[in-house]
Amino acid sequence: MTRSSDVRGLIPVLATPFQPGGALDVDSLRRLIAFSVSAGVDGVAVFGFASEGFSLSAAERQQILAAVLSELPDTTPVIAGISATGTTDAIAQSRAAAEAGASVGMVIPPYMVKPSPSQIVDFYGTVASEGGLPVMVQDAPASTGVNLPVPLIVELSKLDGVTSVKIETQPTAPKLGSVVDATADDFLVLGGQNALFVLEEYARGAVGTMPASEFPDLLAPVLATFTSGDAPAARAAFNRLLPLIRFGLQPGIAWSIHKHVLLRRGVITSAAVRSPATDADPATLAALDDILTDLGL
């Protein structure tokens, strides 16, 4: 049975649990997958920015994908982050993910040497044709330093094998709406940024959202309420989550925040992060404790 590449709905970017000494914690990862499935997610992503993908070896990526694929229902989409500094490595990462069983590659543009628009088109076209996976373009200039204007994303959407985009450029909702309006109906447009503007994005045509992985059970009913047509109730429920959502967007410590929430919720056994990510300080964790207490967690 083939995993779906139709990436719609709630698709958390899974944290990568580590043991206190820094080794990969596969048992905690399996619990995180089970937690996600029980929340009713529509897919999962690995190796994204929220996964500390920058700190993972190729062998660890294979371990993670094997665990994820063994625990998820057979048709659930699995998006693998592809973060390379050049075309050759991007193709290699994509092929490895495809061979392991992933269904979509979420690909950031090359970022060490900033590419021209024509080089970006060539890059995505080549990865899509040679990497073995449908390509999701990740538009995340705050992390990559590479801007993807709306006309360029439209051009990318016309490439064979480029099937979706994740918009993370602030302000996200206006740009997402412009991309939706300018691309074909079968080109899937999703939001990110920890779902900070998810209701505005859905109102402008987003088909999904890709937040961090510590609150899918809290966000899923909000999205269901919104898509059922009860926007006021959805906004009220979403507003309760805003303190937690914004707390997980802090540069440098976001990974620590995600993991401390998962630790508090009994999903993982350690909040350890890998450098250059850093642990949140005690005062920040005390403030996080207040937020979680307010949510009844």
C-alpha atoms as a PDB file:
ATOM      1  CA  MET A   1       0.000   0.000   0.000  1.00  0.00           C
ATOM      2  CA  THR A   2       1.378   3.404  -0.982  1.00  0.00           C
ATOM      3  CA  ARG A   3       1.483   6.282   1.478  1.00  0.00           C
ATOM      4  CA  SER A   4      -0.519   9.284   0.382  1.00  0.00           C
ATOM      5  CA  SER A   5       1.260  12.390  -0.863  1.00  0.00           C
ATOM      6  CA  ASP A   6      -1.959  14.416  -0.463  1.00  0.00           C
ATOM      7  CA  VAL A   7      -0.770  16.642   2.374  1.00  0.00           C
ATOM      8  CA  ARG A   8      -3.815  18.337   3.869  1.00  0.00           C
ATOM      9  CA  GLY A   9      -4.996  19.011   7.393  1.00  0.00           C
ATOM     10  CA  LEU A  10      -3.040  18.895  10.636  1.00  0.00           C
ATOM     11  CA  ILE A  11       0.520  17.707  10.047  1.00  0.00           C
ATOM     12  CA  PRO A  12       2.783  18.255  13.072  1.00  0.00           C
ATOM     13  CA  VAL A  13       6.535  18.495  12.648  1.00  0.00           C
ATOM     14  CA  LEU A  14       7.736  15.884  15.111  1.00  0.00           C
ATOM     15  CA  ALA A  15      10.301  16.774  17.745  1.00  0.00           C
ATOM     16  CA  THR A  16      13.327  14.485  17.836  1.00  0.00           C
ATOM     17  CA  PRO A  17      13.648  13.105  21.380  1.00  0.00           C
ATOM     18  CA  PHE A  18      17.140  12.678  22.770  1.00  0.00           C
ATOM     19  CA  GLN A  19      18.382  10.911  25.875  1.00  0.00           C
ATOM     20  CA  PRO A  20      20.030  13.136  28.530  1.00  0.00           C
ATOM     21  CA  GLY A  21      23.439  12.258  27.070  1.00  0.00           C
ATOM     22  CA  GLY A  22      22.368  13.307  23.577  1.00  0.00           C
ATOM     23  CA  ALA A  23      21.689   9.925  21.947  1.00  0.00           C
ATOM     24  CA  LEU A  24      18.528   9.391  19.920  1.00  0.00           C
ATOM     25  CA  ASP A  25      15.618   8.195  22.095  1.00  0.00           C
ATOM     26  CA  VAL A  26      13.609   5.919  19.826  1.00  0.00           C
ATOM     27  CA  ASP A  27      11.256   4.761  22.589  1.00  0.00           C
ATOM     28  CA  SER A  28      10.175   8.348  23.267  1.00  0.00           C
ATOM     29  CA  LEU A  29       9.806   8.900  19.526  1.00  0.00           C
ATOM     30  CA  ARG A  30       7.431   5.957  19.319  1.00  0.00           C
ATOM     31  CA  ARG A  31       5.342   7.423  22.137  1.00  0.00           C
ATOM     32  CA  LEU A  32       5.291  10.765  20.316  1.00  0.00           C
ATOM     33  CA  ILE A  33       4.008   9.058  17.190  1.00  0.00           C
ATOM     34  CA  ALA A  34       1.296   7.258  19.185  1.00  0.00           C
ATOM     35  CA  PHE A  35       0.352  10.575  20.838  1.00  0.00           C
ATOM     36  CA  SER A  36       0.058  12.177  17.397  1.00  0.00           C
ATOM     37  CA  VAL A  37      -2.050   9.360  15.996  1.00  0.00           C
ATOM     38  CA  SER A  38      -4.374   9.453  19.008  1.00  0.00           C
ATOM     39  CA  ALA A  39      -4.855  13.197  18.393  1.00  0.00           C
ATOM     40  CA  GLY A  40      -6.158  12.438  14.904  1.00  0.00           C
ATOM     41  CA  VAL A  41      -3.386  14.051  12.875  1.00  0.00           C
ATOM     42  CA  ASP A  42      -3.579  13.858   9.095  1.00  0.00           C
ATOM     43  CA  GLY A  43       0.141  13.242   8.599  1.00  0.00           C
ATOM     44  CA  VAL A  44       3.501  13.896  10.227  1.00  0.00           C
ATOM     45  CA  ALA A  45       6.730  15.575   9.214  1.00  0.00           C
ATOM     46  CA  VAL A  46      10.264  14.703  10.282  1.00  0.00           C
ATOM     47  CA  PHE A  47      13.615  16.486   9.932  1.00  0.00           C
ATOM     48  CA  GLY A  48      11.982  19.915   9.841  1.00  0.00           C
ATOM     49  CA  PHE A  49      13.225  22.946  11.741  1.00  0.00           C
ATOM     50  CA  ALA A  50      11.105  21.938  14.760  1.00  0.00           C
ATOM     51  CA  SER A  51      12.723  18.480  14.613  1.00  0.00           C
ATOM     52  CA  GLU A  52      16.268  19.799  15.150  1.00  0.00           C
ATOM     53  CA  GLY A  53      16.900  18.380  11.701  1.00  0.00           C
ATOM     54  CA  PHE A  54      20.100  20.441  11.557  1.00  0.00           C
ATOM     55  CA  SER A  55      21.625  18.196  14.252  1.00  0.00           C
ATOM     56  CA  LEU A  56      20.832  14.769  12.789  1.00  0.00           C
ATOM     57  CA  SER A  57      23.180  12.385  11.025  1.00  0.00           C
ATOM     58  CA  ALA A  58      22.148  10.418   7.944  1.00  0.00           C
ATOM     59  CA  ALA A  59      22.042   7.234  10.013  1.00  0.00           C
ATOM     60  CA  GLU A  60      19.760   8.880  12.590  1.00  0.00           C
ATOM     61  CA  ARG A  61      17.454  10.076   9.855  1.00  0.00           C
ATOM     62  CA  GLN A  62      17.075   6.487   8.708  1.00  0.00           C
ATOM     63  CA  GLN A  63      16.365   5.333  12.279  1.00  0.00           C
ATOM     64  CA  ILE A  64      13.746   8.024  12.735  1.00  0.00           C
ATOM     65  CA  LEU A  65      11.994   7.277   9.461  1.00  0.00           C
ATOM     66  CA  ALA A  66      11.963   3.557  10.215  1.00  0.00           C
ATOM     67  CA  ALA A  67      10.321   4.186  13.587  1.00  0.00           C
ATOM     68  CA  VAL A  68       7.772   6.622  12.166  1.00  0.00           C
ATOM     69  CA  LEU A  69       6.810   4.418   9.258  1.00  0.00           C
ATOM     70  CA  SER A  70       6.441   1.349  11.482  1.00  0.00           C
ATOM     71  CA  GLU A  71       4.056   3.119  13.873  1.00  0.00           C
ATOM     72  CA  LEU A  72       1.824   5.090  11.499  1.00  0.00           C
ATOM     73  CA  PRO A  73      -1.168   3.785   9.551  1.00  0.00           C
ATOM     74  CA  ASP A  74      -0.023   2.586   6.126  1.00  0.00           C
ATOM     75  CA  THR A  75      -1.536   5.422   4.102  1.00  0.00           C
ATOM     76  CA  THR A  76      -0.741   8.371   6.398  1.00  0.00           C
ATOM     77  CA  PRO A  77       1.502  10.928   4.661  1.00  0.00           C
ATOM     78  CA  VAL A  78       5.044  11.241   5.979  1.00  0.00           C
ATOM     79  CA  ILE A  79       6.901  14.401   4.985  1.00  0.00           C
ATOM     80  CA  ALA A  80      10.691  14.306   5.191  1.00  0.00           C
ATOM     81  CA  GLY A  81      12.596  17.561   5.510  1.00  0.00           C
ATOM     82  CA  ILE A  82      15.356  18.018   2.947  1.00  0.00           C
ATOM     83  CA  SER A  83      17.894  20.644   4.005  1.00  0.00           C
ATOM     84  CA  ALA A  84      20.965  20.707   1.806  1.00  0.00           C
ATOM     85  CA  THR A  85      23.427  23.352   0.707  1.00  0.00           C
ATOM     86  CA  GLY A  86      23.487  22.145  -2.880  1.00  0.00           C
ATOM     87  CA  THR A  87      21.549  20.192  -5.462  1.00  0.00           C
ATOM     88  CA  THR A  88      23.578  16.967  -5.273  1.00  0.00           C
ATOM     89  CA  ASP A  89      23.073  16.544  -1.535  1.00  0.00           C
ATOM     90  CA  ALA A  90      19.390  17.503  -1.777  1.00  0.00           C
ATOM     91  CA  ILE A  91      18.865  14.758  -4.334  1.00  0.00           C
ATOM     92  CA  ALA A  92      20.731  12.272  -2.133  1.00  0.00           C
ATOM     93  CA  GLN A  93      18.663  13.165   0.939  1.00  0.00           C
ATOM     94  CA  SER A  94      15.455  12.931  -1.068  1.00  0.00           C
ATOM     95  CA  ARG A  95      16.358   9.540  -2.535  1.00  0.00           C
ATOM     96  CA  ALA A  96      17.249   8.177   0.901  1.00  0.00           C
ATOM     97  CA  ALA A  97      13.913   9.351   2.281  1.00  0.00           C
ATOM     98  CA  ALA A  98      12.055   7.920  -0.705  1.00  0.00           C
ATOM     99  CA  GLU A  99      13.772   4.551  -0.364  1.00  0.00           C
ATOM    100  CA  ALA A 100      12.892   4.478   3.330  1.00  0.00           C
ATOM    101  CA  GLY A 101       9.208   5.059   2.538  1.00  0.00           C
ATOM    102  CA  ALA A 102       8.528   8.788   2.975  1.00  0.00           C
ATOM    103  CA  SER A 103       5.815  10.215   0.745  1.00  0.00           C
ATOM    104  CA  VAL A 104       6.838  13.881   0.276  1.00  0.00           C
ATOM    105  CA  GLY A 105      10.080  15.846   0.548  1.00  0.00           C
ATOM    106  CA  MET A 106       9.840  19.269   2.234  1.00  0.00           C
ATOM    107  CA  VAL A 107      12.730  21.074   0.568  1.00  0.00           C
ATOM    108  CA  ILE A 108      14.349  24.338   1.607  1.00  0.00           C
ATOM    109  CA  PRO A 109      16.329  26.244  -1.035  1.00  0.00           C
ATOM    110  CA  PRO A 110      20.131  26.222  -0.914  1.00  0.00           C
ATOM    111  CA  TYR A 111      21.123  28.810   1.670  1.00  0.00           C
ATOM    112  CA  MET A 112      24.906  28.949   2.136  1.00  0.00           C
ATOM    113  CA  VAL A 113      25.401  30.595  -1.255  1.00  0.00           C
ATOM    114  CA  LYS A 114      22.236  32.571  -1.909  1.00  0.00           C
ATOM    115  CA  PRO A 115      20.810  31.401  -5.256  1.00  0.00           C
ATOM    116  CA  SER A 116      19.339  33.589  -7.970  1.00  0.00           C
ATOM    117  CA  PRO A 117      15.674  33.091  -8.936  1.00  0.00           C
ATOM    118  CA  SER A 118      16.667  31.065 -11.999  1.00  0.00           C
ATOM    119  CA  GLN A 119      18.948  28.889  -9.873  1.00  0.00           C
ATOM    120  CA  ILE A 120      16.091  28.292  -7.439  1.00  0.00           C
ATOM    121  CA  VAL A 121      13.871  27.136 -10.295  1.00  0.00           C
ATOM    122  CA  ASP A 122      16.614  24.841 -11.588  1.00  0.00           C
ATOM    123  CA  PHE A 123      17.247  23.485  -8.095  1.00  0.00           C
ATOM    124  CA  TYR A 124      13.626  22.571  -7.384  1.00  0.00           C
ATOM    125  CA  GLY A 125      13.073  21.206 -10.859  1.00  0.00           C
ATOM    126  CA  THR A 126      16.108  18.935 -10.581  1.00  0.00           C
ATOM    127  CA  VAL A 127      15.295  17.696  -7.062  1.00  0.00           C
ATOM    128  CA  ALA A 128      11.713  16.979  -8.107  1.00  0.00           C
ATOM    129  CA  SER A 129      12.782  15.060 -11.203  1.00  0.00           C
ATOM    130  CA  GLU A 130      15.705  13.141  -9.684  1.00  0.00           C
ATOM    131  CA  GLY A 131      14.970  12.878  -5.959  1.00  0.00           C
ATOM    132  CA  GLY A 132      12.199  10.305  -6.131  1.00  0.00           C
ATOM    133  CA  LEU A 133       9.634  12.250  -4.070  1.00  0.00           C
ATOM    134  CA  PRO A 134       6.956  14.860  -4.722  1.00  0.00           C
ATOM    135  CA  VAL A 135       8.363  18.173  -3.515  1.00  0.00           C
ATOM    136  CA  MET A 136       6.930  20.599  -0.983  1.00  0.00           C
ATOM    137  CA  VAL A 137       8.664  23.984  -1.221  1.00  0.00           C
ATOM    138  CA  GLN A 138       9.477  25.374   2.232  1.00  0.00           C
ATOM    139  CA  ASP A 139       9.276  29.137   2.194  1.00  0.00           C
ATOM    140  CA  ALA A 140      11.088  30.057   5.436  1.00  0.00           C
ATOM    141  CA  PRO A 141      13.318  33.097   4.867  1.00  0.00           C
ATOM    142  CA  ALA A 142      13.770  33.782   8.588  1.00  0.00           C
ATOM    143  CA  SER A 143      15.662  30.485   8.797  1.00  0.00           C
ATOM    144  CA  THR A 144      17.230  30.229   5.341  1.00  0.00           C
ATOM    145  CA  GLY A 145      17.835  33.866   4.403  1.00  0.00           C
ATOM    146  CA  VAL A 146      16.434  33.055   0.951  1.00  0.00           C
ATOM    147  CA  ASN A 147      13.334  34.943  -0.176  1.00  0.00           C
ATOM    148  CA  LEU A 148      10.758  33.275  -2.398  1.00  0.00           C
ATOM    149  CA  PRO A 149       8.441  36.006  -3.732  1.00  0.00           C
ATOM    150  CA  VAL A 150       4.938  35.044  -4.810  1.00  0.00           C
ATOM    151  CA  PRO A 151       5.729  35.128  -8.576  1.00  0.00           C
ATOM    152  CA  LEU A 152       8.666  32.760  -7.985  1.00  0.00           C
ATOM    153  CA  ILE A 153       6.518  30.333  -5.994  1.00  0.00           C
ATOM    154  CA  VAL A 154       3.993  30.433  -8.834  1.00  0.00           C
ATOM    155  CA  GLU A 155       6.757  29.516 -11.264  1.00  0.00           C
ATOM    156  CA  LEU A 156       7.880  26.669  -8.983  1.00  0.00           C
ATOM    157  CA  SER A 157       4.295  25.387  -8.752  1.00  0.00           C
ATOM    158  CA  LYS A 158       4.332  24.741 -12.487  1.00  0.00           C
ATOM    159  CA  LEU A 159       7.322  22.379 -12.300  1.00  0.00           C
ATOM    160  CA  ASP A 160       6.655  18.661 -12.661  1.00  0.00           C
ATOM    161  CA  GLY A 161       6.778  17.046  -9.243  1.00  0.00           C
ATOM    162  CA  VAL A 162       6.487  20.258  -7.210  1.00  0.00           C
ATOM    163  CA  THR A 163       3.105  19.724  -5.594  1.00  0.00           C
ATOM    164  CA  SER A 164       2.859  21.946  -2.508  1.00  0.00           C
ATOM    165  CA  VAL A 165       4.324  24.814  -0.508  1.00  0.00           C
ATOM    166  CA  LYS A 166       4.582  25.646   3.187  1.00  0.00           C
ATOM    167  CA  ILE A 167       4.387  29.406   3.692  1.00  0.00           C
ATOM    168  CA  GLU A 168       6.293  30.758   6.702  1.00  0.00           C
ATOM    169  CA  THR A 169       7.023  34.314   5.579  1.00  0.00           C
ATOM    170  CA  GLN A 170       5.535  36.912   7.917  1.00  0.00           C
ATOM    171  CA  PRO A 171       2.881  38.115   7.500  1.00  0.00           C
ATOM    172  CA  THR A 172       1.872  34.608   6.482  1.00  0.00           C
ATOM    173  CA  ALA A 173      -1.830  34.997   5.738  1.00  0.00           C
ATOM    174  CA  PRO A 174      -1.583  37.689   3.027  1.00  0.00           C
ATOM    175  CA  LYS A 175       1.225  35.870   1.231  1.00  0.00           C
ATOM    176  CA  LEU A 176      -0.517  32.521   1.541  1.00  0.00           C
ATOM    177  CA  GLY A 177      -3.700  33.997   0.106  1.00  0.00           C
ATOM    178  CA  SER A 178      -1.796  35.499  -2.814  1.00  0.00           C
ATOM    179  CA  VAL A 179      -0.181  32.129  -3.569  1.00  0.00           C
ATOM    180  CA  VAL A 180      -3.554  30.352  -3.399  1.00  0.00           C
ATOM    181  CA  ASP A 181      -5.079  32.888  -5.790  1.00  0.00           C
ATOM    182  CA  ALA A 182      -2.211  32.645  -8.273  1.00  0.00           C
ATOM    183  CA  THR A 183      -1.671  28.864  -8.443  1.00  0.00           C
ATOM    184  CA  ALA A 184      -3.646  25.931  -9.792  1.00  0.00           C
ATOM    185  CA  ASP A 185      -6.310  24.326  -7.613  1.00  0.00           C
ATOM    186  CA  ASP A 186      -4.295  21.111  -7.248  1.00  0.00           C
ATOM    187  CA  PHE A 187      -1.241  22.928  -5.851  1.00  0.00           C
ATOM    188  CA  LEU A 188      -1.492  22.545  -2.086  1.00  0.00           C
ATOM    189  CA  VAL A 189      -0.720  25.549   0.115  1.00  0.00           C
ATOM    190  CA  LEU A 190      -0.075  25.050   3.835  1.00  0.00           C
ATOM    191  CA  GLY A 191       0.904  27.265   6.736  1.00  0.00           C
ATOM    192  CA  GLY A 192       3.612  26.896   9.363  1.00  0.00           C
ATOM    193  CA  GLN A 193       4.998  29.187  12.065  1.00  0.00           C
ATOM    194  CA  ASN A 194       3.598  26.905  14.786  1.00  0.00           C
ATOM    195  CA  ALA A 195       0.047  27.627  13.570  1.00  0.00           C
ATOM    196  CA  LEU A 196       0.258  31.202  14.860  1.00  0.00           C
ATOM    197  CA  PHE A 197      -2.090  32.515  12.142  1.00  0.00           C
ATOM    198  CA  VAL A 198      -3.749  29.233  11.200  1.00  0.00           C
ATOM    199  CA  LEU A 199      -7.349  30.481  11.233  1.00  0.00           C
ATOM    200  CA  GLU A 200      -6.502  33.456   9.025  1.00  0.00           C
ATOM    201  CA  GLU A 201      -4.558  31.106   6.736  1.00  0.00           C
ATOM    202  CA  TYR A 202      -7.479  28.683   6.477  1.00  0.00           C
ATOM    203  CA  ALA A 203      -9.792  31.592   5.719  1.00  0.00           C
ATOM    204  CA  ARG A 204      -7.521  32.519   2.800  1.00  0.00           C
ATOM    205  CA  GLY A 205      -7.417  29.045   1.310  1.00  0.00           C
ATOM    206  CA  ALA A 206      -4.781  27.037   3.181  1.00  0.00           C
ATOM    207  CA  VAL A 207      -5.452  23.297   3.052  1.00  0.00           C
ATOM    208  CA  GLY A 208      -3.337  22.455   6.080  1.00  0.00           C
ATOM    209  CA  THR A 209      -0.996  23.555   8.829  1.00  0.00           C
ATOM    210  CA  MET A 210       2.323  22.215  10.109  1.00  0.00           C
ATOM    211  CA  PRO A 211       2.938  23.253  13.724  1.00  0.00           C
ATOM    212  CA  ALA A 212       5.252  21.718  16.314  1.00  0.00           C
ATOM    213  CA  SER A 213       4.172  18.430  17.848  1.00  0.00           C
ATOM    214  CA  GLU A 214       3.277  19.100  21.486  1.00  0.00           C
ATOM    215  CA  PHE A 215      -0.381  20.167  21.080  1.00  0.00           C
ATOM    216  CA  PRO A 216      -2.097  18.367  18.152  1.00  0.00           C
ATOM    217  CA  ASP A 217      -4.861  17.137  20.453  1.00  0.00           C
ATOM    218  CA  LEU A 218      -5.620  20.739  21.422  1.00  0.00           C
ATOM    219  CA  LEU A 219      -5.445  22.167  17.912  1.00  0.00           C
ATOM    220  CA  ALA A 220      -7.382  19.440  16.067  1.00  0.00           C
ATOM    221  CA  PRO A 221     -10.788  20.339  17.588  1.00  0.00           C
ATOM    222  CA  VAL A 222     -10.162  24.020  16.872  1.00  0.00           C
ATOM    223  CA  LEU A 223      -9.608  23.262  13.191  1.00  0.00           C
ATOM    224  CA  ALA A 224     -12.623  20.957  13.096  1.00  0.00           C
ATOM    225  CA  THR A 225     -14.799  23.683  14.591  1.00  0.00           C
ATOM    226  CA  PHE A 226     -13.520  26.240  12.095  1.00  0.00           C
ATOM    227  CA  THR A 227     -13.994  24.010   9.043  1.00  0.00           C
ATOM    228  CA  SER A 228     -17.524  23.157  10.236  1.00  0.00           C
ATOM    229  CA  GLY A 229     -18.363  26.837   9.831  1.00  0.00           C
ATOM    230  CA  ASP A 230     -18.368  28.017  13.445  1.00  0.00           C
ATOM    231  CA  ALA A 231     -15.598  30.605  13.187  1.00  0.00           C
ATOM    232  CA  PRO A 232     -16.457  32.480  16.433  1.00  0.00           C
ATOM    233  CA  ALA A 233     -16.232  29.305  18.521  1.00  0.00           C
ATOM    234  CA  ALA A 234     -13.002  28.338  16.762  1.00  0.00           C
ATOM    235  CA  ARG A 235     -11.476  31.734  17.497  1.00  0.00           C
ATOM    236  CA  ALA A 236     -12.424  31.500  21.144  1.00  0.00           C
ATOM    237  CA  ALA A 237     -10.874  28.046  21.455  1.00  0.00           C
ATOM    238  CA  PHE A 238      -7.789  29.103  19.520  1.00  0.00           C
ATOM    239  CA  ASN A 239      -7.261  32.146  21.706  1.00  0.00           C
ATOM    240  CA  ARG A 240      -6.804  29.846  24.709  1.00  0.00           C
ATOM    241  CA  LEU A 241      -3.869  28.223  22.896  1.00  0.00           C
ATOM    242  CA  LEU A 242      -2.154  31.450  21.841  1.00  0.00           C
ATOM    243  CA  PRO A 243       0.118  31.783  24.891  1.00  0.00           C
ATOM    244  CA  LEU A 244       1.468  28.274  24.279  1.00  0.00           C
ATOM    245  CA  ILE A 245       1.792  28.784  20.527  1.00  0.00           C
ATOM    246  CA  ARG A 246       3.726  32.036  20.827  1.00  0.00           C
ATOM    247  CA  PHE A 247       5.960  30.544  23.534  1.00  0.00           C
ATOM    248  CA  GLY A 248       7.091  27.880  21.073  1.00  0.00           C
ATOM    249  CA  LEU A 249       8.240  30.485  18.539  1.00  0.00           C
ATOM    250  CA  GLN A 250      11.164  31.914  20.491  1.00  0.00           C
ATOM    251  CA  PRO A 251      14.446  31.787  18.549  1.00  0.00           C
ATOM    252  CA  GLY A 252      17.123  29.606  20.093  1.00  0.00           C
ATOM    253  CA  ILE A 253      14.923  28.012  22.754  1.00  0.00           C
ATOM    254  CA  ALA A 254      11.903  26.944  20.714  1.00  0.00           C
ATOM    255  CA  TRP A 255      13.172  23.345  20.583  1.00  0.00           C
ATOM    256  CA  SER A 256      13.546  23.309  24.358  1.00  0.00           C
ATOM    257  CA  ILE A 257      10.013  24.670  24.808  1.00  0.00           C
ATOM    258  CA  HIS A 258       8.511  22.004  22.536  1.00  0.00           C
ATOM    259  CA  LYS A 259      10.272  19.270  24.468  1.00  0.00           C
ATOM    260  CA  HIS A 260       9.517  20.588  27.945  1.00  0.00           C
ATOM    261  CA  VAL A 261       5.822  20.572  27.040  1.00  0.00           C
ATOM    262  CA  LEU A 262       6.087  17.004  25.743  1.00  0.00           C
ATOM    263  CA  LEU A 263       7.963  16.026  28.905  1.00  0.00           C
ATOM    264  CA  ARG A 264       5.309  17.653  31.094  1.00  0.00           C
ATOM    265  CA  ARG A 265       2.626  15.752  29.171  1.00  0.00           C
ATOM    266  CA  GLY A 266       4.395  12.415  29.718  1.00  0.00           C
ATOM    267  CA  VAL A 267       5.155  11.807  26.057  1.00  0.00           C
ATOM    268  CA  ILE A 268       8.973  11.909  26.158  1.00  0.00           C
ATOM    269  CA  THR A 269      11.423  11.210  28.985  1.00  0.00           C
ATOM    270  CA  SER A 270      13.940  14.038  28.496  1.00  0.00           C
ATOM    271  CA  ALA A 271      13.853  17.612  27.203  1.00  0.00           C
ATOM    272  CA  ALA A 272      17.473  17.396  26.050  1.00  0.00           C
ATOM    273  CA  VAL A 273      18.369  19.389  22.936  1.00  0.00           C
ATOM    274  CA  ARG A 274      21.492  19.359  20.797  1.00  0.00           C
ATOM    275  CA  SER A 275      23.723  22.365  20.269  1.00  0.00           C
ATOM    276  CA  PRO A 276      23.334  24.973  18.870  1.00  0.00           C
ATOM    277  CA  ALA A 277      19.839  24.712  20.339  1.00  0.00           C
ATOM    278  CA  THR A 278      19.840  25.665  24.026  1.00  0.00           C
ATOM    279  CA  ASP A 279      17.726  24.814  27.037  1.00  0.00           C
ATOM    280  CA  ALA A 280      15.326  27.458  28.312  1.00  0.00           C
ATOM    281  CA  ASP A 281      16.360  29.119  31.580  1.00  0.00           C
ATOM    282  CA  PRO A 282      14.505  28.479  34.852  1.00  0.00           C
ATOM    283  CA  ALA A 283      12.484  31.703  34.734  1.00  0.00           C
ATOM    284  CA  THR A 284      11.289  30.918  31.201  1.00  0.00           C
ATOM    285  CA  LEU A 285      10.321  27.404  32.268  1.00  0.00           C
ATOM    286  CA  ALA A 286       8.421  28.834  35.224  1.00  0.00           C
ATOM    287  CA  ALA A 287       6.442  31.034  32.845  1.00  0.00           C
ATOM    288  CA  LEU A 288       5.801  27.992  30.650  1.00  0.00           C
ATOM    289  CA  ASP A 289       4.547  26.142  33.708  1.00  0.00           C
ATOM    290  CA  ASP A 290       1.987  28.899  34.272  1.00  0.00           C
ATOM    291  CA  ILE A 291       0.779  28.624  30.681  1.00  0.00           C
ATOM    292  CA  LEU A 292       0.401  24.858  30.914  1.00  0.00           C
ATOM    293  CA  THR A 293      -1.376  25.125  34.240  1.00  0.00           C
ATOM    294  CA  ASP A 294      -3.841  27.592  32.727  1.00  0.00           C
ATOM    295  CA  LEU A 295      -4.530  25.012  29.995  1.00  0.00           C
ATOM    296  CA  GLY A 296      -5.062  22.273  32.575  1.00  0.00           C
ATOM    297  CA  LEU A 297      -1.996  20.347  31.452  1.00  0.00           C
END
